[in-house]
């Protein structure tokens, strides 16, 4: 996993095409369908907190957890600007340790894919289960095996965002289904370009494995949908959304 030390300052700019308001509304509908009374919500691997802010605006009491101090710094800025009551915690998702239980957990934007070791993924789900009330829900999305193979693959992506230029190079291992991503970021300021770099790895997990892990951690009801919908997954679905209910 990357600490996002370099990427944190540019993350919101490079993901500006994502509608966090729409994503929050979708997760809100998903949660309320299976846990109508849920109010206390954990945003796990919250990043810069854009989704946390929108979920808080919807009325959820939000605890925002991320392992990156740099990302949480961006969240704190948004918390101050909006005046929203969001509780930030700097923790690794595999070592989650809350003060009590929550009624819902959201883990968005393929954060679980960043756990490239099966044992670490299981540990993260175990920690979520431990702090989820009976009847509570765990909603998360993952990049699909199709996306890793056909879209991310060994491809190169370029982002040209005004004063920031980013080159994103991928290397895909078909056997492990892990994509290693190298990002070179060039920021133009004071008449010169300043380079920073970051690296990220993602692993695609089969549906059967994810269901086995969830079941083994006490989630007795598991649903899977095509990206931000209530439709079943397609063979070419790029993002899958899971909703698991704690027994």
C-alpha atoms as a PDB file:
ATOM      1  CA  UNK A   1       0.000   0.000   0.000  1.00  0.00           C
ATOM      2  CA  UNK A   2       1.122   3.547  -0.652  1.00  0.00           C
ATOM      3  CA  UNK A   3       1.128   6.235   1.967  1.00  0.00           C
ATOM      4  CA  UNK A   4      -0.008   8.775  -0.642  1.00  0.00           C
ATOM      5  CA  UNK A   5       2.612  11.211   0.647  1.00  0.00           C
ATOM      6  CA  UNK A   6       3.050  12.906  -2.732  1.00  0.00           C
ATOM      7  CA  UNK A   7      -0.386  12.213  -4.171  1.00  0.00           C
ATOM      8  CA  UNK A   8      -2.361  13.693  -1.258  1.00  0.00           C
ATOM      9  CA  UNK A   9      -1.806  17.291  -2.367  1.00  0.00           C
ATOM     10  CA  UNK A  10      -3.095  16.546  -5.863  1.00  0.00           C
ATOM     11  CA  UNK A  11      -5.646  13.810  -5.211  1.00  0.00           C
ATOM     12  CA  UNK A  12      -8.735  16.014  -5.376  1.00  0.00           C
ATOM     13  CA  UNK A  13      -7.532  17.647  -8.585  1.00  0.00           C
ATOM     14  CA  UNK A  14      -6.804  14.311 -10.273  1.00  0.00           C
ATOM     15  CA  UNK A  15     -10.171  12.857  -9.203  1.00  0.00           C
ATOM     16  CA  UNK A  16     -12.263  15.938  -9.966  1.00  0.00           C
ATOM     17  CA  UNK A  17     -14.389  13.947 -12.428  1.00  0.00           C
ATOM     18  CA  UNK A  18     -15.840  11.933  -9.515  1.00  0.00           C
ATOM     19  CA  UNK A  19     -19.170  13.206  -8.194  1.00  0.00           C
ATOM     20  CA  UNK A  20     -18.813  12.564  -4.478  1.00  0.00           C
ATOM     21  CA  UNK A  21     -22.299  13.920  -3.885  1.00  0.00           C
ATOM     22  CA  UNK A  22     -23.805  11.320  -6.228  1.00  0.00           C
ATOM     23  CA  UNK A  23     -21.676   8.545  -4.723  1.00  0.00           C
ATOM     24  CA  UNK A  24     -22.724   9.532  -1.203  1.00  0.00           C
ATOM     25  CA  UNK A  25     -26.381   9.555  -2.218  1.00  0.00           C
ATOM     26  CA  UNK A  26     -25.993   6.081  -3.703  1.00  0.00           C
ATOM     27  CA  UNK A  27     -24.313   4.671  -0.610  1.00  0.00           C
ATOM     28  CA  UNK A  28     -26.974   6.366   1.494  1.00  0.00           C
ATOM     29  CA  UNK A  29     -29.754   4.637  -0.440  1.00  0.00           C
ATOM     30  CA  UNK A  30     -27.909   1.333  -0.264  1.00  0.00           C
ATOM     31  CA  UNK A  31     -27.433   1.561   3.495  1.00  0.00           C
ATOM     32  CA  UNK A  32     -30.995   2.637   4.201  1.00  0.00           C
ATOM     33  CA  UNK A  33     -32.360  -0.243   2.125  1.00  0.00           C
ATOM     34  CA  UNK A  34     -30.688  -2.841   4.357  1.00  0.00           C
ATOM     35  CA  UNK A  35     -30.229  -0.919   7.628  1.00  0.00           C
ATOM     36  CA  UNK A  36     -32.957   1.746   7.775  1.00  0.00           C
ATOM     37  CA  UNK A  37     -32.004   2.953  11.258  1.00  0.00           C
ATOM     38  CA  UNK A  38     -28.283   3.334  10.566  1.00  0.00           C
ATOM     39  CA  UNK A  39     -26.897   6.706  11.580  1.00  0.00           C
ATOM     40  CA  UNK A  40     -23.383   6.284  12.994  1.00  0.00           C
ATOM     41  CA  UNK A  41     -21.175   5.635   9.979  1.00  0.00           C
ATOM     42  CA  UNK A  42     -17.512   4.794   9.459  1.00  0.00           C
ATOM     43  CA  UNK A  43     -15.873   6.032   6.272  1.00  0.00           C
ATOM     44  CA  UNK A  44     -12.952   3.611   6.053  1.00  0.00           C
ATOM     45  CA  UNK A  45      -9.903   4.671   4.010  1.00  0.00           C
ATOM     46  CA  UNK A  46     -11.558   8.063   3.655  1.00  0.00           C
ATOM     47  CA  UNK A  47      -8.697   9.710   1.770  1.00  0.00           C
ATOM     48  CA  UNK A  48      -9.114  13.475   1.590  1.00  0.00           C
ATOM     49  CA  UNK A  49     -12.605  13.189   3.033  1.00  0.00           C
ATOM     50  CA  UNK A  50     -14.693  14.334   0.065  1.00  0.00           C
ATOM     51  CA  UNK A  51     -17.105  11.426   0.540  1.00  0.00           C
ATOM     52  CA  UNK A  52     -17.078  11.892   4.326  1.00  0.00           C
ATOM     53  CA  UNK A  53     -18.217  15.485   3.870  1.00  0.00           C
ATOM     54  CA  UNK A  54     -21.112  14.520   1.604  1.00  0.00           C
ATOM     55  CA  UNK A  55     -22.217  11.689   3.917  1.00  0.00           C
ATOM     56  CA  UNK A  56     -22.148  14.095   6.868  1.00  0.00           C
ATOM     57  CA  UNK A  57     -24.232  16.580   4.893  1.00  0.00           C
ATOM     58  CA  UNK A  58     -26.801  13.816   4.433  1.00  0.00           C
ATOM     59  CA  UNK A  59     -27.167  13.514   8.196  1.00  0.00           C
ATOM     60  CA  UNK A  60     -24.858  10.628   9.051  1.00  0.00           C
ATOM     61  CA  UNK A  61     -22.592  10.920  12.084  1.00  0.00           C
ATOM     62  CA  UNK A  62     -19.269  10.214  10.388  1.00  0.00           C
ATOM     63  CA  UNK A  63     -16.041   8.739  11.710  1.00  0.00           C
ATOM     64  CA  UNK A  64     -13.382   9.115   9.015  1.00  0.00           C
ATOM     65  CA  UNK A  65     -10.388   6.756   9.126  1.00  0.00           C
ATOM     66  CA  UNK A  66      -7.290   6.789   6.948  1.00  0.00           C
ATOM     67  CA  UNK A  67      -3.678   5.693   7.405  1.00  0.00           C
ATOM     68  CA  UNK A  68      -2.239   8.757   5.653  1.00  0.00           C
ATOM     69  CA  UNK A  69      -1.535  11.883   7.719  1.00  0.00           C
ATOM     70  CA  UNK A  70      -1.304  13.826   4.465  1.00  0.00           C
ATOM     71  CA  UNK A  71      -4.770  12.724   3.324  1.00  0.00           C
ATOM     72  CA  UNK A  72      -6.280  13.466   6.736  1.00  0.00           C
ATOM     73  CA  UNK A  73      -4.718  16.916   6.574  1.00  0.00           C
ATOM     74  CA  UNK A  74      -6.885  17.619   3.531  1.00  0.00           C
ATOM     75  CA  UNK A  75      -9.914  16.253   5.398  1.00  0.00           C
ATOM     76  CA  UNK A  76      -9.253  18.543   8.367  1.00  0.00           C
ATOM     77  CA  UNK A  77      -9.170  21.531   6.026  1.00  0.00           C
ATOM     78  CA  UNK A  78     -12.585  20.541   4.620  1.00  0.00           C
ATOM     79  CA  UNK A  79     -13.938  19.922   8.123  1.00  0.00           C
ATOM     80  CA  UNK A  80     -12.958  23.448   9.151  1.00  0.00           C
ATOM     81  CA  UNK A  81     -14.307  25.001   5.947  1.00  0.00           C
ATOM     82  CA  UNK A  82     -17.686  23.253   6.184  1.00  0.00           C
ATOM     83  CA  UNK A  83     -18.103  23.213   9.962  1.00  0.00           C
ATOM     84  CA  UNK A  84     -19.273  19.613   9.771  1.00  0.00           C
ATOM     85  CA  UNK A  85     -18.834  17.388  12.807  1.00  0.00           C
ATOM     86  CA  UNK A  86     -16.602  14.650  11.374  1.00  0.00           C
ATOM     87  CA  UNK A  87     -14.293  12.650  13.647  1.00  0.00           C
ATOM     88  CA  UNK A  88     -10.952  11.938  11.895  1.00  0.00           C
ATOM     89  CA  UNK A  89      -8.758   9.031  13.019  1.00  0.00           C
ATOM     90  CA  UNK A  90      -5.357   8.073  11.627  1.00  0.00           C
ATOM     91  CA  UNK A  91      -5.366   4.287  11.541  1.00  0.00           C
ATOM     92  CA  UNK A  92      -4.486   1.491   9.170  1.00  0.00           C
ATOM     93  CA  UNK A  93      -7.653  -0.365   8.165  1.00  0.00           C
ATOM     94  CA  UNK A  94      -6.073  -3.651   9.233  1.00  0.00           C
ATOM     95  CA  UNK A  95      -5.628  -2.250  12.745  1.00  0.00           C
ATOM     96  CA  UNK A  96      -8.964  -0.487  13.082  1.00  0.00           C
ATOM     97  CA  UNK A  97      -9.726   0.328  16.716  1.00  0.00           C
ATOM     98  CA  UNK A  98     -12.843   2.359  17.476  1.00  0.00           C
ATOM     99  CA  UNK A  99     -14.330   3.547  20.760  1.00  0.00           C
ATOM    100  CA  UNK A 100     -17.497   1.529  20.148  1.00  0.00           C
ATOM    101  CA  UNK A 101     -19.570   0.002  17.379  1.00  0.00           C
ATOM    102  CA  UNK A 102     -20.998   1.626  14.264  1.00  0.00           C
ATOM    103  CA  UNK A 103     -24.163   0.858  12.324  1.00  0.00           C
ATOM    104  CA  UNK A 104     -22.648   1.198   8.865  1.00  0.00           C
ATOM    105  CA  UNK A 105     -19.238   1.226   7.225  1.00  0.00           C
ATOM    106  CA  UNK A 106     -18.422   2.553   3.769  1.00  0.00           C
ATOM    107  CA  UNK A 107     -15.110   1.769   2.067  1.00  0.00           C
ATOM    108  CA  UNK A 108     -15.126   3.410  -1.349  1.00  0.00           C
ATOM    109  CA  UNK A 109     -12.976   3.983  -4.423  1.00  0.00           C
ATOM    110  CA  UNK A 110     -11.388   0.516  -4.532  1.00  0.00           C
ATOM    111  CA  UNK A 111      -9.607   0.974  -1.199  1.00  0.00           C
ATOM    112  CA  UNK A 112      -9.804  -2.741  -0.405  1.00  0.00           C
ATOM    113  CA  UNK A 113      -8.026  -3.500  -3.680  1.00  0.00           C
ATOM    114  CA  UNK A 114      -4.979  -1.805  -2.184  1.00  0.00           C
ATOM    115  CA  UNK A 115      -4.682  -4.671   0.282  1.00  0.00           C
ATOM    116  CA  UNK A 116      -2.750  -6.988  -2.019  1.00  0.00           C
ATOM    117  CA  UNK A 117      -2.217  -9.720   0.583  1.00  0.00           C
ATOM    118  CA  UNK A 118      -5.174 -12.022   1.245  1.00  0.00           C
ATOM    119  CA  UNK A 119      -4.385 -12.244   4.961  1.00  0.00           C
ATOM    120  CA  UNK A 120      -4.388  -8.443   5.281  1.00  0.00           C
ATOM    121  CA  UNK A 121      -7.719  -8.191   3.479  1.00  0.00           C
ATOM    122  CA  UNK A 122      -9.212 -10.765   5.835  1.00  0.00           C
ATOM    123  CA  UNK A 123      -7.821  -8.857   8.808  1.00  0.00           C
ATOM    124  CA  UNK A 124      -9.377  -5.598   7.638  1.00  0.00           C
ATOM    125  CA  UNK A 125     -12.797  -7.235   7.195  1.00  0.00           C
ATOM    126  CA  UNK A 126     -12.456  -8.863  10.626  1.00  0.00           C
ATOM    127  CA  UNK A 127     -11.828  -5.448  12.200  1.00  0.00           C
ATOM    128  CA  UNK A 128     -14.857  -3.964  10.436  1.00  0.00           C
ATOM    129  CA  UNK A 129     -17.002  -6.883  11.616  1.00  0.00           C
ATOM    130  CA  UNK A 130     -15.750  -6.481  15.188  1.00  0.00           C
ATOM    131  CA  UNK A 131     -16.932  -2.873  15.309  1.00  0.00           C
ATOM    132  CA  UNK A 132     -20.217  -3.387  13.444  1.00  0.00           C
ATOM    133  CA  UNK A 133     -23.444  -3.738  15.411  1.00  0.00           C
ATOM    134  CA  UNK A 134     -25.595  -6.825  14.734  1.00  0.00           C
ATOM    135  CA  UNK A 135     -27.817  -5.876  11.814  1.00  0.00           C
ATOM    136  CA  UNK A 136     -25.308  -3.237  10.729  1.00  0.00           C
ATOM    137  CA  UNK A 137     -23.914  -3.120   7.210  1.00  0.00           C
ATOM    138  CA  UNK A 138     -20.597  -2.971   5.398  1.00  0.00           C
ATOM    139  CA  UNK A 139     -20.759  -1.331   1.954  1.00  0.00           C
ATOM    140  CA  UNK A 140     -17.680  -1.238  -0.242  1.00  0.00           C
ATOM    141  CA  UNK A 141     -16.654  -1.141  -3.861  1.00  0.00           C
ATOM    142  CA  UNK A 142     -13.811  -2.900  -5.641  1.00  0.00           C
ATOM    143  CA  UNK A 143     -12.266  -2.713  -9.058  1.00  0.00           C
ATOM    144  CA  UNK A 144     -13.220  -5.886 -10.899  1.00  0.00           C
ATOM    145  CA  UNK A 145     -11.007  -8.560 -12.379  1.00  0.00           C
ATOM    146  CA  UNK A 146     -12.163  -7.306 -15.803  1.00  0.00           C
ATOM    147  CA  UNK A 147     -10.987  -3.763 -15.080  1.00  0.00           C
ATOM    148  CA  UNK A 148      -7.592  -4.913 -13.840  1.00  0.00           C
ATOM    149  CA  UNK A 149      -7.095  -7.094 -16.898  1.00  0.00           C
ATOM    150  CA  UNK A 150      -8.633  -4.996 -19.678  1.00  0.00           C
ATOM    151  CA  UNK A 151      -8.616  -1.373 -18.531  1.00  0.00           C
ATOM    152  CA  UNK A 152      -5.734  -0.842 -16.112  1.00  0.00           C
ATOM    153  CA  UNK A 153      -3.499  -3.614 -17.479  1.00  0.00           C
ATOM    154  CA  UNK A 154      -0.087  -2.479 -18.709  1.00  0.00           C
ATOM    155  CA  UNK A 155      -1.431   0.865 -19.821  1.00  0.00           C
ATOM    156  CA  UNK A 156      -0.237   4.436 -19.386  1.00  0.00           C
ATOM    157  CA  UNK A 157      -2.526   7.348 -18.527  1.00  0.00           C
ATOM    158  CA  UNK A 158      -1.748  11.067 -18.693  1.00  0.00           C
ATOM    159  CA  UNK A 159      -3.544  13.835 -16.795  1.00  0.00           C
ATOM    160  CA  UNK A 160      -2.998  17.467 -17.796  1.00  0.00           C
ATOM    161  CA  UNK A 161      -4.700  19.641 -15.176  1.00  0.00           C
ATOM    162  CA  UNK A 162      -3.682  23.270 -15.597  1.00  0.00           C
ATOM    163  CA  UNK A 163      -0.536  23.581 -13.450  1.00  0.00           C
ATOM    164  CA  UNK A 164      -0.309  19.854 -12.650  1.00  0.00           C
ATOM    165  CA  UNK A 165       0.796  17.159 -15.096  1.00  0.00           C
ATOM    166  CA  UNK A 166       0.636  13.481 -14.082  1.00  0.00           C
ATOM    167  CA  UNK A 167       1.940  10.389 -15.861  1.00  0.00           C
ATOM    168  CA  UNK A 168       0.470   7.129 -14.513  1.00  0.00           C
ATOM    169  CA  UNK A 169       2.183   3.915 -15.666  1.00  0.00           C
ATOM    170  CA  UNK A 170       0.812   0.449 -14.898  1.00  0.00           C
ATOM    171  CA  UNK A 171       2.376  -2.993 -14.765  1.00  0.00           C
ATOM    172  CA  UNK A 172      -0.031  -5.950 -14.583  1.00  0.00           C
ATOM    173  CA  UNK A 173       0.726  -9.461 -13.332  1.00  0.00           C
ATOM    174  CA  UNK A 174      -1.919 -11.813 -14.716  1.00  0.00           C
ATOM    175  CA  UNK A 175      -1.041 -14.588 -12.262  1.00  0.00           C
ATOM    176  CA  UNK A 176      -1.535 -12.525  -9.105  1.00  0.00           C
ATOM    177  CA  UNK A 177      -3.975 -10.024 -10.679  1.00  0.00           C
ATOM    178  CA  UNK A 178      -1.916  -7.239  -9.123  1.00  0.00           C
ATOM    179  CA  UNK A 179      -1.425  -3.922 -10.891  1.00  0.00           C
ATOM    180  CA  UNK A 180       1.586  -1.873  -9.816  1.00  0.00           C
ATOM    181  CA  UNK A 181       1.090   1.824 -10.545  1.00  0.00           C
ATOM    182  CA  UNK A 182       3.839   4.416 -10.751  1.00  0.00           C
ATOM    183  CA  UNK A 183       2.765   8.045 -10.722  1.00  0.00           C
ATOM    184  CA  UNK A 184       5.052  10.926 -11.669  1.00  0.00           C
ATOM    185  CA  UNK A 185       3.547  14.297 -10.828  1.00  0.00           C
ATOM    186  CA  UNK A 186       4.873  17.601 -12.177  1.00  0.00           C
ATOM    187  CA  UNK A 187       3.626  20.802 -10.559  1.00  0.00           C
ATOM    188  CA  UNK A 188       4.267  24.157 -12.232  1.00  0.00           C
ATOM    189  CA  UNK A 189       4.973  26.960  -9.806  1.00  0.00           C
ATOM    190  CA  UNK A 190       7.253  29.996  -9.732  1.00  0.00           C
ATOM    191  CA  UNK A 191       8.243  29.490 -13.349  1.00  0.00           C
ATOM    192  CA  UNK A 192       9.447  25.904 -12.996  1.00  0.00           C
ATOM    193  CA  UNK A 193       8.150  22.328 -12.794  1.00  0.00           C
ATOM    194  CA  UNK A 194       8.628  20.384  -9.565  1.00  0.00           C
ATOM    195  CA  UNK A 195       8.504  16.596  -9.744  1.00  0.00           C
ATOM    196  CA  UNK A 196       7.141  14.233  -7.102  1.00  0.00           C
ATOM    197  CA  UNK A 197       6.367  10.530  -7.329  1.00  0.00           C
ATOM    198  CA  UNK A 198       4.178   7.927  -5.683  1.00  0.00           C
ATOM    199  CA  UNK A 199       3.507   4.233  -6.131  1.00  0.00           C
ATOM    200  CA  UNK A 200       0.318   2.253  -5.594  1.00  0.00           C
ATOM    201  CA  UNK A 201      -0.548  -1.421  -5.976  1.00  0.00           C
ATOM    202  CA  UNK A 202      -3.981  -2.978  -6.398  1.00  0.00           C
ATOM    203  CA  UNK A 203      -5.159  -6.577  -6.468  1.00  0.00           C
ATOM    204  CA  UNK A 204      -8.396  -7.849  -7.970  1.00  0.00           C
ATOM    205  CA  UNK A 205     -10.210 -10.440  -5.857  1.00  0.00           C
ATOM    206  CA  UNK A 206     -12.738 -12.979  -7.202  1.00  0.00           C
ATOM    207  CA  UNK A 207     -16.335 -12.716  -6.061  1.00  0.00           C
ATOM    208  CA  UNK A 208     -16.202 -16.138  -4.396  1.00  0.00           C
ATOM    209  CA  UNK A 209     -13.200 -15.178  -2.288  1.00  0.00           C
ATOM    210  CA  UNK A 210     -14.782 -11.924  -1.096  1.00  0.00           C
ATOM    211  CA  UNK A 211     -17.994 -13.717  -0.148  1.00  0.00           C
ATOM    212  CA  UNK A 212     -16.026 -16.370   1.721  1.00  0.00           C
ATOM    213  CA  UNK A 213     -14.158 -13.715   3.698  1.00  0.00           C
ATOM    214  CA  UNK A 214     -17.328 -11.798   4.538  1.00  0.00           C
ATOM    215  CA  UNK A 215     -19.147 -14.951   5.621  1.00  0.00           C
ATOM    216  CA  UNK A 216     -16.202 -16.057   7.731  1.00  0.00           C
ATOM    217  CA  UNK A 217     -16.253 -12.719   9.551  1.00  0.00           C
ATOM    218  CA  UNK A 218     -19.927 -12.954  10.478  1.00  0.00           C
ATOM    219  CA  UNK A 219     -21.640 -11.174   7.593  1.00  0.00           C
ATOM    220  CA  UNK A 220     -24.559 -13.474   6.881  1.00  0.00           C
ATOM    221  CA  UNK A 221     -26.156 -11.664   3.935  1.00  0.00           C
ATOM    222  CA  UNK A 222     -24.079 -10.451   0.974  1.00  0.00           C
ATOM    223  CA  UNK A 223     -25.294  -8.563  -2.093  1.00  0.00           C
ATOM    224  CA  UNK A 224     -23.273  -7.497  -5.150  1.00  0.00           C
ATOM    225  CA  UNK A 225     -24.232  -4.811  -7.672  1.00  0.00           C
ATOM    226  CA  UNK A 226     -22.910  -3.165 -10.795  1.00  0.00           C
ATOM    227  CA  UNK A 227     -21.307   0.212 -10.155  1.00  0.00           C
ATOM    228  CA  UNK A 228     -23.559   2.631  -8.204  1.00  0.00           C
ATOM    229  CA  UNK A 229     -26.740   0.775  -9.100  1.00  0.00           C
ATOM    230  CA  UNK A 230     -28.975  -1.995  -7.845  1.00  0.00           C
ATOM    231  CA  UNK A 231     -28.412  -4.002 -11.029  1.00  0.00           C
ATOM    232  CA  UNK A 232     -26.541  -7.321 -11.029  1.00  0.00           C
ATOM    233  CA  UNK A 233     -22.915  -7.268 -12.197  1.00  0.00           C
ATOM    234  CA  UNK A 234     -22.142  -7.685 -15.891  1.00  0.00           C
ATOM    235  CA  UNK A 235     -19.162  -9.553 -17.383  1.00  0.00           C
ATOM    236  CA  UNK A 236     -17.616  -6.160 -18.242  1.00  0.00           C
ATOM    237  CA  UNK A 237     -18.473  -4.363 -14.994  1.00  0.00           C
ATOM    238  CA  UNK A 238     -15.475  -2.265 -13.997  1.00  0.00           C
ATOM    239  CA  UNK A 239     -16.529  -1.491 -10.441  1.00  0.00           C
ATOM    240  CA  UNK A 240     -18.518  -3.821  -8.175  1.00  0.00           C
ATOM    241  CA  UNK A 241     -20.365  -2.700  -5.053  1.00  0.00           C
ATOM    242  CA  UNK A 242     -20.892  -5.099  -2.153  1.00  0.00           C
ATOM    243  CA  UNK A 243     -23.344  -4.743   0.725  1.00  0.00           C
ATOM    244  CA  UNK A 244     -22.930  -7.171   3.605  1.00  0.00           C
ATOM    245  CA  UNK A 245     -25.209  -7.427   6.648  1.00  0.00           C
ATOM    246  CA  UNK A 246     -23.745  -8.465  10.023  1.00  0.00           C
ATOM    247  CA  UNK A 247     -25.565 -11.408  11.528  1.00  0.00           C
END
